[in-house]
Amino acid sequence: MKFVIENPKASVANFFRRAGYVFQKQENGEMAFVRKLTDQPFPRFHLFVKIIDWKFEVNFHIDHKAASYEGTNMHSGEYGKDSELLKREAERLMGL
């Protein structure tokens, strides 16, 4: 799911840290963050952020479990716009 945060009031790292996310990595001009949904490593929100024209362009999904096969990063995830959990999280982040 993709959405844009207009006119953020903080840097990318500070904005998502305040929203409960933990920085994961930076790669190819994107910063990756995760936020666990329980006290276990999975499920978790996993988002990628690009800064374009002073806006945060966010692409995110839910990782339901870790990668199943050694040497791959494929995992069970939820990506669609019809996911209520993703919609609520996007609305929460845009409201910060």
C-alpha atoms as a PDB file:
ATOM      1  CA  MET A   1       0.000   0.000   0.000  1.00  0.00           C
ATOM      2  CA  LYS A   2       1.294   3.452  -0.849  1.00  0.00           C
ATOM      3  CA  PHE A   3       0.495   6.892   0.539  1.00  0.00           C
ATOM      4  CA  VAL A   4       2.124  10.316   0.946  1.00  0.00           C
ATOM      5  CA  ILE A   5       2.698  12.307   4.121  1.00  0.00           C
ATOM      6  CA  GLU A   6       2.454  15.989   3.192  1.00  0.00           C
ATOM      7  CA  ASN A   7       4.344  18.674   5.133  1.00  0.00           C
ATOM      8  CA  PRO A   8       5.954  16.467   7.801  1.00  0.00           C
ATOM      9  CA  LYS A   9       6.927  18.337  10.981  1.00  0.00           C
ATOM     10  CA  ALA A  10      10.083  16.286  11.644  1.00  0.00           C
ATOM     11  CA  SER A  11      12.870  14.417   9.883  1.00  0.00           C
ATOM     12  CA  VAL A  12      12.076  10.973   8.532  1.00  0.00           C
ATOM     13  CA  ALA A  13      13.866   9.206  11.383  1.00  0.00           C
ATOM     14  CA  ASN A  14      12.240  11.330  14.104  1.00  0.00           C
ATOM     15  CA  PHE A  15       8.787  11.159  12.543  1.00  0.00           C
ATOM     16  CA  PHE A  16       8.704   7.374  12.372  1.00  0.00           C
ATOM     17  CA  ARG A  17      10.453   6.897  15.724  1.00  0.00           C
ATOM     18  CA  ARG A  18       7.701   8.964  17.363  1.00  0.00           C
ATOM     19  CA  ALA A  19       5.148   6.804  15.542  1.00  0.00           C
ATOM     20  CA  GLY A  20       6.627   3.678  17.149  1.00  0.00           C
ATOM     21  CA  TYR A  21       8.828   2.469  14.304  1.00  0.00           C
ATOM     22  CA  VAL A  22      12.427   1.272  14.478  1.00  0.00           C
ATOM     23  CA  PHE A  23      14.926   2.084  11.733  1.00  0.00           C
ATOM     24  CA  GLN A  24      15.988  -1.042   9.856  1.00  0.00           C
ATOM     25  CA  LYS A  25      18.216   0.008   6.940  1.00  0.00           C
ATOM     26  CA  GLN A  26      18.841   2.512   4.163  1.00  0.00           C
ATOM     27  CA  GLU A  27      19.184   1.255   0.623  1.00  0.00           C
ATOM     28  CA  ASN A  28      18.720   2.691  -2.887  1.00  0.00           C
ATOM     29  CA  GLY A  29      17.500   6.049  -1.588  1.00  0.00           C
ATOM     30  CA  GLU A  30      14.879   4.496   0.693  1.00  0.00           C
ATOM     31  CA  MET A  31      14.791   4.162   4.454  1.00  0.00           C
ATOM     32  CA  ALA A  32      13.156   1.036   5.891  1.00  0.00           C
ATOM     33  CA  PHE A  33      11.366   0.950   9.252  1.00  0.00           C
ATOM     34  CA  VAL A  34       9.444  -1.729  11.168  1.00  0.00           C
ATOM     35  CA  ARG A  35       6.870  -1.709  13.964  1.00  0.00           C
ATOM     36  CA  LYS A  36       5.913  -4.933  15.734  1.00  0.00           C
ATOM     37  CA  LEU A  37       2.230  -5.636  16.299  1.00  0.00           C
ATOM     38  CA  THR A  38       2.854  -7.955  19.267  1.00  0.00           C
ATOM     39  CA  ASP A  39       5.740  -8.718  21.615  1.00  0.00           C
ATOM     40  CA  GLN A  40       6.996 -11.240  19.010  1.00  0.00           C
ATOM     41  CA  PRO A  41       9.096 -10.336  15.943  1.00  0.00           C
ATOM     42  CA  PHE A  42       6.145 -11.056  13.623  1.00  0.00           C
ATOM     43  CA  PRO A  43       3.634  -9.858  12.553  1.00  0.00           C
ATOM     44  CA  ARG A  44       4.971  -6.362  11.944  1.00  0.00           C
ATOM     45  CA  PHE A  45       4.435  -3.320   9.781  1.00  0.00           C
ATOM     46  CA  HIS A  46       7.299  -2.895   7.311  1.00  0.00           C
ATOM     47  CA  LEU A  47       7.574   0.400   5.512  1.00  0.00           C
ATOM     48  CA  PHE A  48       9.891   2.032   3.001  1.00  0.00           C
ATOM     49  CA  VAL A  49      10.154   5.819   2.765  1.00  0.00           C
ATOM     50  CA  LYS A  50      11.481   8.088   0.016  1.00  0.00           C
ATOM     51  CA  ILE A  51      11.740  11.846   0.464  1.00  0.00           C
ATOM     52  CA  ILE A  52      10.520  13.613  -2.667  1.00  0.00           C
ATOM     53  CA  ASP A  53       9.781  17.356  -2.775  1.00  0.00           C
ATOM     54  CA  TRP A  54       9.738  17.599   1.055  1.00  0.00           C
ATOM     55  CA  LYS A  55       7.117  14.845   1.269  1.00  0.00           C
ATOM     56  CA  PHE A  56       7.423  11.313   2.613  1.00  0.00           C
ATOM     57  CA  GLU A  57       6.370   8.771   0.008  1.00  0.00           C
ATOM     58  CA  VAL A  58       5.571   5.615   1.953  1.00  0.00           C
ATOM     59  CA  ASN A  59       5.211   2.087   0.622  1.00  0.00           C
ATOM     60  CA  PHE A  60       4.309  -0.426   3.317  1.00  0.00           C
ATOM     61  CA  HIS A  61       2.917  -3.844   4.081  1.00  0.00           C
ATOM     62  CA  ILE A  62       2.535  -6.329   6.927  1.00  0.00           C
ATOM     63  CA  ASP A  63       5.063  -9.130   7.348  1.00  0.00           C
ATOM     64  CA  HIS A  64       3.164 -12.058   8.855  1.00  0.00           C
ATOM     65  CA  LYS A  65       6.225 -14.255   9.318  1.00  0.00           C
ATOM     66  CA  ALA A  66       9.935 -14.454   8.550  1.00  0.00           C
ATOM     67  CA  ALA A  67      11.293 -15.693   5.235  1.00  0.00           C
ATOM     68  CA  SER A  68      10.597 -19.407   4.845  1.00  0.00           C
ATOM     69  CA  TYR A  69      13.530 -20.367   2.670  1.00  0.00           C
ATOM     70  CA  GLU A  70      17.200 -19.786   3.388  1.00  0.00           C
ATOM     71  CA  GLY A  71      18.795 -17.242   1.065  1.00  0.00           C
ATOM     72  CA  THR A  72      15.536 -15.470   0.170  1.00  0.00           C
ATOM     73  CA  ASN A  73      13.706 -12.492   1.597  1.00  0.00           C
ATOM     74  CA  MET A  74      10.275 -13.662   0.484  1.00  0.00           C
ATOM     75  CA  HIS A  75       7.747 -14.029   3.267  1.00  0.00           C
ATOM     76  CA  SER A  76       4.047 -14.119   3.907  1.00  0.00           C
ATOM     77  CA  GLY A  77       2.742 -10.582   3.780  1.00  0.00           C
ATOM     78  CA  GLU A  78      -0.324  -8.408   3.400  1.00  0.00           C
ATOM     79  CA  TYR A  79       0.003  -5.700   0.750  1.00  0.00           C
ATOM     80  CA  GLY A  80      -3.431  -4.703  -0.553  1.00  0.00           C
ATOM     81  CA  LYS A  81      -5.458  -1.546  -0.184  1.00  0.00           C
ATOM     82  CA  ASP A  82      -8.400  -3.645   0.973  1.00  0.00           C
ATOM     83  CA  SER A  83      -6.626  -4.484   4.233  1.00  0.00           C
ATOM     84  CA  GLU A  84      -8.357  -2.669   7.101  1.00  0.00           C
ATOM     85  CA  LEU A  85      -5.236  -2.916   9.253  1.00  0.00           C
ATOM     86  CA  LEU A  86      -3.115  -1.203   6.579  1.00  0.00           C
ATOM     87  CA  LYS A  87      -5.770   1.477   6.023  1.00  0.00           C
ATOM     88  CA  ARG A  88      -5.961   2.282   9.743  1.00  0.00           C
ATOM     89  CA  GLU A  89      -2.188   2.487  10.065  1.00  0.00           C
ATOM     90  CA  ALA A  90      -1.898   4.755   7.018  1.00  0.00           C
ATOM     91  CA  GLU A  91      -4.589   7.057   8.464  1.00  0.00           C
ATOM     92  CA  ARG A  92      -2.816   7.103  11.842  1.00  0.00           C
ATOM     93  CA  LEU A  93       0.502   8.062  10.254  1.00  0.00           C
ATOM     94  CA  MET A  94      -1.018  10.757   8.031  1.00  0.00           C
ATOM     95  CA  GLY A  95      -2.716  12.228  11.104  1.00  0.00           C
ATOM     96  CA  LEU A  96       0.540  12.700  13.044  1.00  0.00           C
END
